[in-house]
Protein backbone atom coordinates (compact mmCIF):
# COMPACT_ATOMS: atom_id res chain seq x y z
CA MET A 1 -29.92 63.97 -81.15
CA GLY A 2 -31.06 66.86 -83.15
CA ASN A 3 -29.24 69.42 -85.12
CA THR A 4 -25.89 70.24 -83.65
CA HIS A 5 -23.24 72.58 -84.82
CA ASN A 6 -19.72 71.18 -85.23
CA VAL A 7 -17.45 73.17 -82.94
CA GLN A 8 -14.25 74.27 -84.68
CA LYS A 9 -11.43 73.90 -82.56
CA VAL A 10 -7.65 75.32 -82.61
CA ASN A 11 -4.55 74.22 -80.97
CA PHE A 12 -1.72 76.48 -79.27
CA GLU A 13 0.16 76.79 -82.49
CA ASP A 14 -3.08 78.34 -83.86
CA ILE A 15 -3.01 80.74 -80.96
CA GLN A 16 0.64 81.88 -81.61
CA CYS A 17 -0.45 82.51 -85.03
CA ALA A 18 -3.39 84.64 -83.88
CA ILE A 19 -1.14 86.74 -81.58
CA LYS A 20 0.93 87.28 -84.25
CA ASN A 21 -1.82 88.72 -86.57
CA PRO A 22 -4.08 90.92 -84.48
CA ASP A 23 -5.44 92.38 -87.73
CA LYS A 24 -7.17 88.80 -88.45
CA TYR A 25 -7.82 87.37 -85.24
CA ILE A 26 -9.81 88.21 -82.23
CA LEU A 27 -9.25 86.68 -79.05
CA ILE A 28 -11.97 86.68 -76.51
CA ASN A 29 -11.81 84.93 -72.93
CA THR A 30 -14.59 83.80 -70.71
CA LEU A 31 -12.53 83.85 -67.53
CA PRO A 32 -14.52 85.51 -64.30
CA ILE A 33 -13.82 89.11 -63.83
CA HIS A 34 -11.39 88.59 -60.84
CA GLU A 35 -9.40 86.50 -63.16
CA GLN A 36 -8.56 88.85 -65.91
CA GLN A 37 -4.99 89.74 -64.91
CA CYS A 38 -3.10 86.99 -66.97
CA LEU A 39 -4.40 86.49 -70.38
CA LEU A 40 -3.33 85.81 -73.77
CA PRO A 41 -1.86 88.89 -75.59
CA ASN A 42 -4.37 90.97 -77.85
CA THR A 43 -7.34 89.30 -75.99
CA ILE A 44 -10.25 91.83 -75.96
CA SER A 45 -10.78 93.24 -72.58
CA VAL A 46 -13.91 92.20 -70.98
CA GLU A 47 -15.02 96.00 -70.67
CA LYS A 48 -14.76 96.75 -74.45
CA GLU A 49 -16.03 93.14 -75.72
CA GLU A 50 -19.81 94.03 -76.11
CA ALA A 51 -19.23 97.33 -77.79
CA ILE A 52 -16.67 95.48 -80.18
CA MET A 53 -18.65 92.94 -81.36
CA ASN A 54 -21.83 94.97 -81.50
CA SER A 55 -19.60 97.17 -83.89
CA PHE A 56 -18.93 93.98 -86.00
CA ILE A 57 -22.64 93.07 -86.16
CA ARG A 58 -23.63 96.50 -87.36
CA ASN A 59 -20.70 96.46 -90.14
CA LYS A 60 -21.57 92.78 -91.76
CA HIS A 61 -18.89 92.97 -93.93
CA VAL A 62 -16.50 92.90 -90.98
CA ILE A 63 -17.81 89.67 -89.58
CA GLY A 64 -16.19 87.28 -92.60
CA GLN A 65 -12.63 89.34 -92.24
CA LYS A 66 -12.01 88.58 -88.66
CA HIS A 67 -11.72 85.07 -87.09
CA ILE A 68 -12.66 84.72 -83.36
CA ILE A 69 -10.99 82.54 -81.02
CA ILE A 70 -12.42 81.84 -77.65
CA TYR A 71 -10.75 80.45 -74.76
CA GLY A 72 -11.35 80.03 -71.13
CA LYS A 73 -9.79 78.60 -67.82
CA ASN A 74 -8.96 75.07 -68.86
CA ASN A 75 -10.29 72.01 -70.82
CA ASN A 76 -13.13 71.59 -68.55
CA ASP A 77 -14.35 75.39 -69.04
CA ILE A 78 -18.02 74.85 -70.40
CA THR A 79 -18.36 78.62 -70.55
CA ILE A 80 -16.43 78.58 -73.89
CA PHE A 81 -19.10 76.72 -75.39
CA ASN A 82 -21.83 79.12 -74.30
CA LYS A 83 -19.86 81.84 -75.73
CA TYR A 84 -19.31 80.02 -79.01
CA LYS A 85 -23.15 79.48 -79.36
CA GLN A 86 -23.87 83.06 -78.61
CA LEU A 87 -21.60 84.29 -81.34
CA VAL A 88 -22.77 81.88 -83.89
CA LYS A 89 -26.64 82.65 -83.01
CA LEU A 90 -25.45 86.57 -83.63
CA GLY A 91 -24.25 85.54 -87.18
CA PHE A 92 -20.41 85.06 -86.72
CA PHE A 93 -19.41 82.00 -88.62
CA SER A 94 -15.50 82.12 -88.32
CA VAL A 95 -15.45 81.35 -84.50
CA PHE A 96 -12.90 78.66 -82.96
CA ILE A 97 -12.36 77.42 -79.60
CA TYR A 98 -9.14 77.08 -77.81
CA ILE A 99 -9.86 74.01 -75.48
CA GLY A 100 -6.71 74.09 -73.59
CA GLY A 101 -7.41 77.66 -72.23
CA ILE A 102 -4.96 79.58 -70.13
CA PHE A 103 -4.19 76.81 -68.10
CA GLU A 104 -2.72 74.90 -71.02
CA TRP A 105 -0.93 78.09 -72.40
CA LEU A 106 0.77 78.58 -68.93
CA LEU A 107 2.06 75.05 -68.59
CA LEU A 108 3.57 75.42 -72.23
CA ALA A 109 4.93 78.75 -71.08
CA ASP A 110 6.59 77.08 -67.88
CA ILE A 111 8.31 74.62 -70.18
CA TYR A 112 9.19 76.52 -73.21
CA GLY A 113 9.35 79.88 -72.16
CA ASN A 114 7.37 82.97 -72.10
CA ASP A 115 8.83 84.21 -75.56
CA LEU A 116 7.00 81.49 -77.30
CA PHE A 117 4.03 81.45 -74.92
CA PRO A 118 3.70 85.15 -73.70
CA THR A 119 0.89 86.51 -71.34
CA THR A 120 -0.10 90.04 -70.18
CA LYS A 121 1.37 89.23 -66.76
CA ARG A 122 3.45 86.63 -65.44
CA GLU A 123 1.56 84.14 -63.24
CA LEU A 124 3.41 81.92 -60.79
CA ASP A 125 0.38 79.97 -59.44
CA ILE A 126 -0.41 77.97 -62.56
CA LEU A 127 -2.67 75.44 -60.65
CA LYS A 128 -5.37 77.95 -59.82
CA PHE A 129 -6.40 77.70 -63.47
CA LYS A 130 -6.37 73.82 -63.23
CA PRO A 131 -9.75 71.90 -63.81
CA ASN A 132 -11.62 70.66 -60.98
CA LYS A 133 -11.22 66.75 -60.40
CA GLY A 134 -14.10 64.95 -61.91
CA LEU A 135 -14.10 61.66 -59.93
CA ASN A 136 -13.96 63.45 -56.40
CA ILE A 137 -12.72 60.30 -54.95
CA GLN A 138 -9.06 59.11 -53.95
CA LEU A 139 -7.67 56.70 -56.07
CA LEU A 140 -4.89 55.85 -53.98
CA GLU A 141 -4.75 55.62 -50.27
CA TYR A 142 -1.81 55.66 -48.21
């Protein structure tokens, strides 16, 4: 299968830690431009992401001081893996993926509250971030 890089993953507790420690962690999302309203706190804005990452590349010593966490829409969002590969190719080595994405985070916020699972904006329509169904068939017919 060739040389494959082992993708480093984090869970929601790691995200909670990252939100509380913005000096150590950078949060990057891969959501489409039209879905940038509800994000994890401290997420780099899509408008500033390129400039910030370029400044890290110019200052190589900073690369090892920051941990980058990438998240997307949900657990089926492949854009997080593309972003991961891009950052690793650019020389970043402390890169992690939050597989659950904003969908998992919003579900946890719905159950456990916004104090434990904050977002930049309250989102009532959680299902708009759900994964597309994969089988595309009805399993039960009435």
